[in-house]
Amino acid sequence: MKYLHTQHVLVFEVNQPDRALRRKAGKTDAVDAEAAGRAVHAGRSLSTPKDGIGGSENLRQMRLVKSSAVKARTTAINQLTGLVVGAEPGLRGLTTKALTRACAVMLPTSVERMLMAELAHRISSLTDELTRLKTVITQTVTACVPELLQRSGIGYDSAAALIIAVGDNPERMTNEASFAALCGVSPVEFSSGQTTKRRLNRGGNRQANAALYRIVLTRLRWDPRTQEYLKNRTEKGTSKRDVIRCLKRYIAREIFTIIKTIPDQPKHLTLVDLTP
């Protein structure tokens, strides 16, 4: 994709092939390529893909590294806790931070103590790595869309997930409804007969959907306007789940308005661009 973009080749994003066609013709690279070509020629798949060359791509890679570091740190903490239960019962009940400090200075008088010290050093190293990643991700988000972090309930990780979902070319989305569908918060008809209702959208980018959910929960706890909205809707008979769905839709509109006001996303960010 990056090479085609540098060569000024027009690229379209094509959805997965039709399942009925796959059952009839099978699945090969040639069949998939022909199906993609026919979809573009027929005008069914003319979506503009993400550029993948700017701050959004940098954030995507940072979150991948952060995710692996969090997983490795959690595994090390669980292993250390398991060793403590059998080898050092006196250290049980300590917080993770206190336990790591205590095990890091242990003398290797036994195999268990040596392993506990090694795990403690590993946890400390991964904790420092996560701190550095948090700083860089925050700086990248600030360089891309500084106003996001100024809004209530939006932290660095949620902002990064939303920027990644949008990409470095937000103009590919024509309106805020397309962004809501991308985040999986657009209402979906769930009507039958004389019953008319809507349900939660279970599609879209799940990372962006989770980010919107965290923002809603934060605002429900700290934002007076959101609390008042929940109270009013609940008194009218709306369930809390439906209220959260509505709030996610409203926040998606708010975020899309912020992102669309920035016409030029920074491309090819370097460490110099991230220096505060």
Protein backbone atom coordinates (compact mmCIF):
# COMPACT_ATOMS: atom_id res chain seq x y z
CA MET A 1 0.00 0.00 0.00
CA LYS A 2 2.79 2.45 0.89
CA TYR A 3 4.65 1.65 -2.33
CA LEU A 4 1.54 2.14 -4.47
CA HIS A 5 0.88 5.44 -2.72
CA THR A 6 4.41 6.68 -3.46
CA GLN A 7 3.93 5.68 -7.13
CA HIS A 8 0.66 7.68 -7.29
CA VAL A 9 -1.40 4.58 -8.12
CA LEU A 10 -5.14 4.85 -7.44
CA VAL A 11 -6.09 2.20 -4.86
CA PHE A 12 -9.55 1.11 -3.73
CA GLU A 13 -10.48 -0.87 -0.65
CA VAL A 14 -12.47 -4.02 -1.43
CA ASN A 15 -14.44 -6.03 1.12
CA GLN A 16 -14.14 -9.79 1.40
CA PRO A 17 -15.53 -11.80 -1.54
CA ASP A 18 -19.12 -12.93 -1.55
CA ARG A 19 -19.48 -16.17 0.41
CA ALA A 20 -21.90 -17.67 -2.08
CA LEU A 21 -19.34 -17.12 -4.86
CA ARG A 22 -16.64 -18.73 -2.75
CA ARG A 23 -18.78 -21.81 -2.19
CA LYS A 24 -19.30 -22.14 -5.94
CA ALA A 25 -15.85 -21.23 -7.28
CA GLY A 26 -13.64 -22.05 -4.32
CA LYS A 27 -10.92 -19.84 -2.89
CA THR A 28 -7.70 -19.08 -4.71
CA ASP A 29 -5.68 -15.91 -5.21
CA ALA A 30 -6.84 -15.77 -8.82
CA VAL A 31 -10.52 -16.09 -7.88
CA ASP A 32 -10.18 -13.45 -5.15
CA ALA A 33 -8.35 -11.07 -7.51
CA GLU A 34 -11.02 -11.50 -10.18
CA ALA A 35 -13.80 -10.91 -7.62
CA ALA A 36 -12.04 -7.75 -6.37
CA GLY A 37 -11.63 -6.47 -9.92
CA ARG A 38 -15.27 -7.12 -10.76
CA ALA A 39 -16.40 -5.37 -7.55
CA VAL A 40 -14.41 -2.24 -8.42
CA HIS A 41 -15.50 -2.29 -12.06
CA ALA A 42 -19.14 -2.58 -11.02
CA GLY A 43 -18.76 0.33 -8.58
CA ARG A 44 -19.59 -1.71 -5.49
CA SER A 45 -16.18 -1.16 -3.82
CA LEU A 46 -14.85 2.34 -4.33
CA SER A 47 -13.82 3.11 -0.75
CA THR A 48 -10.58 4.98 -0.18
CA PRO A 49 -8.17 2.99 2.02
CA LYS A 50 -6.05 4.45 4.78
CA ASP A 51 -2.77 6.05 3.73
CA GLY A 52 -0.71 4.25 6.36
CA ILE A 53 2.12 6.79 6.17
CA GLY A 54 1.47 9.23 9.01
CA GLY A 55 0.78 9.62 12.68
CA SER A 56 -2.08 7.12 12.65
CA GLU A 57 0.21 4.35 11.40
CA ASN A 58 2.80 5.30 14.01
CA LEU A 59 0.16 5.04 16.72
CA ARG A 60 -0.96 1.65 15.45
CA GLN A 61 2.57 0.28 15.73
CA MET A 62 3.03 1.85 19.17
CA ARG A 63 -0.16 0.26 20.48
CA LEU A 64 0.96 -3.13 19.17
CA VAL A 65 4.24 -2.83 21.05
CA LYS A 66 2.37 -1.58 24.13
CA SER A 67 -0.05 -4.50 23.99
CA SER A 68 2.77 -7.05 23.88
CA ALA A 69 4.55 -5.30 26.76
CA VAL A 70 1.38 -5.32 28.88
CA LYS A 71 0.86 -9.02 28.16
CA ALA A 72 4.47 -9.88 29.04
CA ARG A 73 4.30 -7.81 32.25
CA THR A 74 1.05 -9.48 33.32
CA THR A 75 2.57 -12.91 32.71
CA ALA A 76 5.66 -12.03 34.75
CA ILE A 77 3.54 -10.70 37.63
CA ASN A 78 1.47 -13.89 37.69
CA GLN A 79 4.60 -16.04 37.70
CA LEU A 80 6.15 -13.99 40.48
CA THR A 81 2.99 -14.23 42.57
CA GLY A 82 2.96 -18.00 42.09
CA LEU A 83 6.57 -18.31 43.27
CA VAL A 84 5.91 -16.11 46.29
CA VAL A 85 3.06 -18.35 47.48
CA GLY A 86 5.36 -21.36 47.79
CA ALA A 87 8.78 -19.85 48.47
CA GLU A 88 8.15 -16.63 50.48
CA PRO A 89 4.76 -16.74 52.21
CA GLY A 90 5.74 -13.68 54.24
CA LEU A 91 5.56 -11.50 51.12
CA ARG A 92 1.97 -12.42 50.35
CA GLY A 93 -0.48 -9.54 50.44
CA LEU A 94 1.97 -6.92 49.14
CA THR A 95 1.06 -4.70 46.24
CA THR A 96 2.69 -5.43 42.89
CA LYS A 97 4.99 -2.44 43.23
CA ALA A 98 6.09 -3.34 46.76
CA LEU A 99 6.49 -7.02 45.88
CA THR A 100 8.64 -6.18 42.86
CA ARG A 101 10.93 -3.97 44.93
CA ALA A 102 11.27 -6.59 47.65
CA CYS A 103 12.09 -9.40 45.24
CA ALA A 104 14.52 -7.29 43.18
CA VAL A 105 16.96 -6.98 46.12
CA MET A 106 16.80 -10.63 47.20
CA LEU A 107 20.04 -12.54 47.52
CA PRO A 108 20.06 -15.66 45.28
CA THR A 109 20.38 -18.12 48.17
CA SER A 110 18.02 -20.56 46.43
CA VAL A 111 16.67 -21.26 42.98
CA GLU A 112 13.30 -19.73 43.91
CA ARG A 113 14.89 -16.53 45.17
CA MET A 114 17.01 -16.23 42.02
CA LEU A 115 13.94 -16.66 39.81
CA MET A 116 11.95 -14.17 41.87
CA ALA A 117 14.72 -11.58 41.47
CA GLU A 118 14.85 -12.20 37.72
CA LEU A 119 11.10 -11.78 37.38
CA ALA A 120 11.18 -8.63 39.49
CA HIS A 121 13.83 -7.08 37.23
CA ARG A 122 11.79 -8.08 34.18
CA ILE A 123 8.66 -6.45 35.63
CA SER A 124 10.58 -3.25 36.41
CA SER A 125 12.02 -3.14 32.90
CA LEU A 126 8.61 -3.65 31.29
CA THR A 127 7.08 -1.01 33.57
CA ASP A 128 9.69 1.52 32.44
CA GLU A 129 9.04 0.55 28.82
CA LEU A 130 5.30 1.13 29.25
CA THR A 131 5.99 4.53 30.81
CA ARG A 132 8.11 5.53 27.82
CA LEU A 133 5.47 4.26 25.38
CA LYS A 134 2.78 6.22 27.20
CA THR A 135 4.82 9.41 26.82
CA VAL A 136 5.47 8.85 23.11
CA ILE A 137 1.84 7.91 22.39
CA THR A 138 0.63 11.02 24.21
CA GLN A 139 3.05 13.20 22.24
CA THR A 140 1.94 11.61 18.96
CA VAL A 141 -1.74 12.12 19.76
CA THR A 142 -0.99 15.75 20.65
CA ALA A 143 0.87 16.20 17.36
CA CYS A 144 -2.05 14.70 15.37
CA VAL A 145 -5.20 15.97 17.11
CA PRO A 146 -4.32 18.07 20.18
CA GLU A 147 -7.93 18.94 20.99
CA LEU A 148 -8.89 15.32 21.67
CA LEU A 149 -6.99 15.14 24.96
CA GLN A 150 -8.65 18.36 26.09
CA ARG A 151 -12.12 16.81 26.01
CA SER A 152 -13.64 15.23 29.10
CA GLY A 153 -13.06 11.50 29.53
CA ILE A 154 -10.67 11.06 26.59
CA GLY A 155 -7.30 9.63 27.63
CA TYR A 156 -4.23 9.00 25.53
CA ASP A 157 -5.05 5.35 24.79
CA SER A 158 -8.67 5.99 23.78
CA ALA A 159 -7.61 8.93 21.62
CA ALA A 160 -4.98 6.77 19.92
CA ALA A 161 -7.54 4.04 19.17
CA LEU A 162 -9.91 6.58 17.59
CA ILE A 163 -7.17 8.19 15.49
CA ILE A 164 -6.09 4.77 14.27
CA ALA A 165 -9.68 3.98 13.25
CA VAL A 166 -9.93 7.24 11.29
CA GLY A 167 -6.53 6.97 9.63
CA ASP A 168 -4.31 9.70 8.24
CA ASN A 169 -6.86 10.70 5.60
CA PRO A 170 -10.13 11.44 7.45
CA GLU A 171 -11.53 13.03 4.31
CA ARG A 172 -12.26 9.51 3.01
CA MET A 173 -15.32 9.54 5.31
CA THR A 174 -18.02 11.73 3.84
CA ASN A 175 -19.94 12.46 7.04
CA GLU A 176 -20.14 11.68 10.75
CA ALA A 177 -22.58 8.84 10.11
CA SER A 178 -19.86 6.92 8.27
CA PHE A 179 -17.51 7.43 11.23
CA ALA A 180 -20.21 6.17 13.60
CA ALA A 181 -20.65 3.07 11.44
CA LEU A 182 -16.87 2.59 11.40
CA CYS A 183 -16.85 2.64 15.21
CA GLY A 184 -19.84 0.30 15.46
CA VAL A 185 -22.13 2.81 17.19
CA SER A 186 -24.62 3.50 14.42
CA PRO A 187 -28.16 2.29 15.23
CA VAL A 188 -29.29 -0.88 13.48
CA GLU A 189 -32.95 -1.55 12.76
CA PHE A 190 -34.31 -4.49 14.74
CA SER A 191 -37.99 -4.33 13.83
CA SER A 192 -40.51 -7.04 13.16
CA GLY A 193 -44.23 -6.74 12.49
CA GLN A 194 -45.69 -3.95 14.61
CA THR A 195 -42.55 -3.71 16.77
CA THR A 196 -40.17 -0.93 15.79
CA LYS A 197 -36.88 -0.69 17.63
CA ARG A 198 -33.13 -0.44 17.18
CA ARG A 199 -30.34 -2.51 18.66
CA LEU A 200 -26.64 -2.12 19.34
CA ASN A 201 -24.35 -2.34 16.34
CA ARG A 202 -21.93 -5.23 16.82
CA GLY A 203 -19.84 -4.44 13.76
CA GLY A 204 -17.18 -1.85 13.00
CA ASN A 205 -13.79 -1.27 14.59
CA ARG A 206 -14.01 -2.91 18.01
CA GLN A 207 -10.99 -1.05 19.40
CA ALA A 208 -12.63 2.29 18.58
CA ASN A 209 -15.93 1.01 19.97
CA ALA A 210 -14.21 0.05 23.23
CA ALA A 211 -12.59 3.49 23.38
CA LEU A 212 -15.99 5.18 23.07
CA TYR A 213 -17.35 2.89 25.79
CA ARG A 214 -14.53 3.89 28.16
CA ILE A 215 -15.21 7.55 27.44
CA VAL A 216 -18.90 7.09 28.22
CA LEU A 217 -18.18 5.32 31.52
CA THR A 218 -15.74 8.06 32.52
CA ARG A 219 -18.22 10.80 31.75
CA LEU A 220 -21.01 8.98 33.55
CA ARG A 221 -18.83 9.07 36.65
CA TRP A 222 -17.39 12.59 36.46
CA ASP A 223 -19.35 14.71 33.97
CA PRO A 224 -22.51 16.37 35.44
CA ARG A 225 -24.16 16.83 32.04
CA THR A 226 -23.80 13.15 31.18
CA GLN A 227 -25.13 12.16 34.59
CA GLU A 228 -28.14 14.42 34.10
CA TYR A 229 -28.76 12.93 30.66
CA LEU A 230 -28.71 9.41 32.10
CA LYS A 231 -31.12 10.42 34.86
CA ASN A 232 -33.60 12.04 32.48
CA ARG A 233 -33.58 9.16 30.00
CA THR A 234 -33.88 6.56 32.75
CA GLU A 235 -36.91 8.33 34.22
CA LYS A 236 -38.57 8.12 30.80
CA GLY A 237 -38.16 4.33 30.78
CA THR A 238 -35.00 3.99 28.67
CA SER A 239 -32.65 1.23 29.79
CA LYS A 240 -29.10 2.09 30.78
CA ARG A 241 -27.77 -0.01 27.92
CA ASP A 242 -29.72 2.04 25.38
CA VAL A 243 -28.59 5.26 27.07
CA ILE A 244 -24.97 4.19 26.73
CA ARG A 245 -25.58 3.38 23.06
CA CYS A 246 -26.96 6.88 22.51
CA LEU A 247 -24.06 8.46 24.38
CA LYS A 248 -21.54 6.55 22.28
CA ARG A 249 -23.27 7.86 19.16
CA TYR A 250 -23.17 11.45 20.43
CA ILE A 251 -19.50 11.18 21.40
CA ALA A 252 -18.68 9.73 17.96
CA ARG A 253 -20.28 12.84 16.39
CA GLU A 254 -18.26 15.08 18.72
CA ILE A 255 -14.97 13.34 17.93
CA PHE A 256 -15.59 13.32 14.19
CA THR A 257 -16.23 17.07 14.28
CA ILE A 258 -12.88 17.56 16.01
CA ILE A 259 -10.97 15.38 13.57
CA LYS A 260 -12.56 16.94 10.48
CA THR A 261 -11.51 20.43 11.58
CA ILE A 262 -7.87 19.43 11.09
CA PRO A 263 -7.40 19.30 7.30
CA ASP A 264 -3.77 18.20 7.16
CA GLN A 265 -2.66 15.31 9.34
CA PRO A 266 1.10 15.28 10.01
CA LYS A 267 2.92 12.84 7.76
CA HIS A 268 6.11 10.91 8.51
CA LEU A 269 6.41 11.91 12.15
CA THR A 270 9.92 11.84 13.57
CA LEU A 271 11.26 12.08 17.11
CA VAL A 272 11.90 15.77 16.49
CA ASP A 273 8.17 16.29 15.83
CA LEU A 274 7.32 14.61 19.13
CA THR A 275 9.65 16.69 21.27
CA PRO A 276 7.54 18.80 23.65
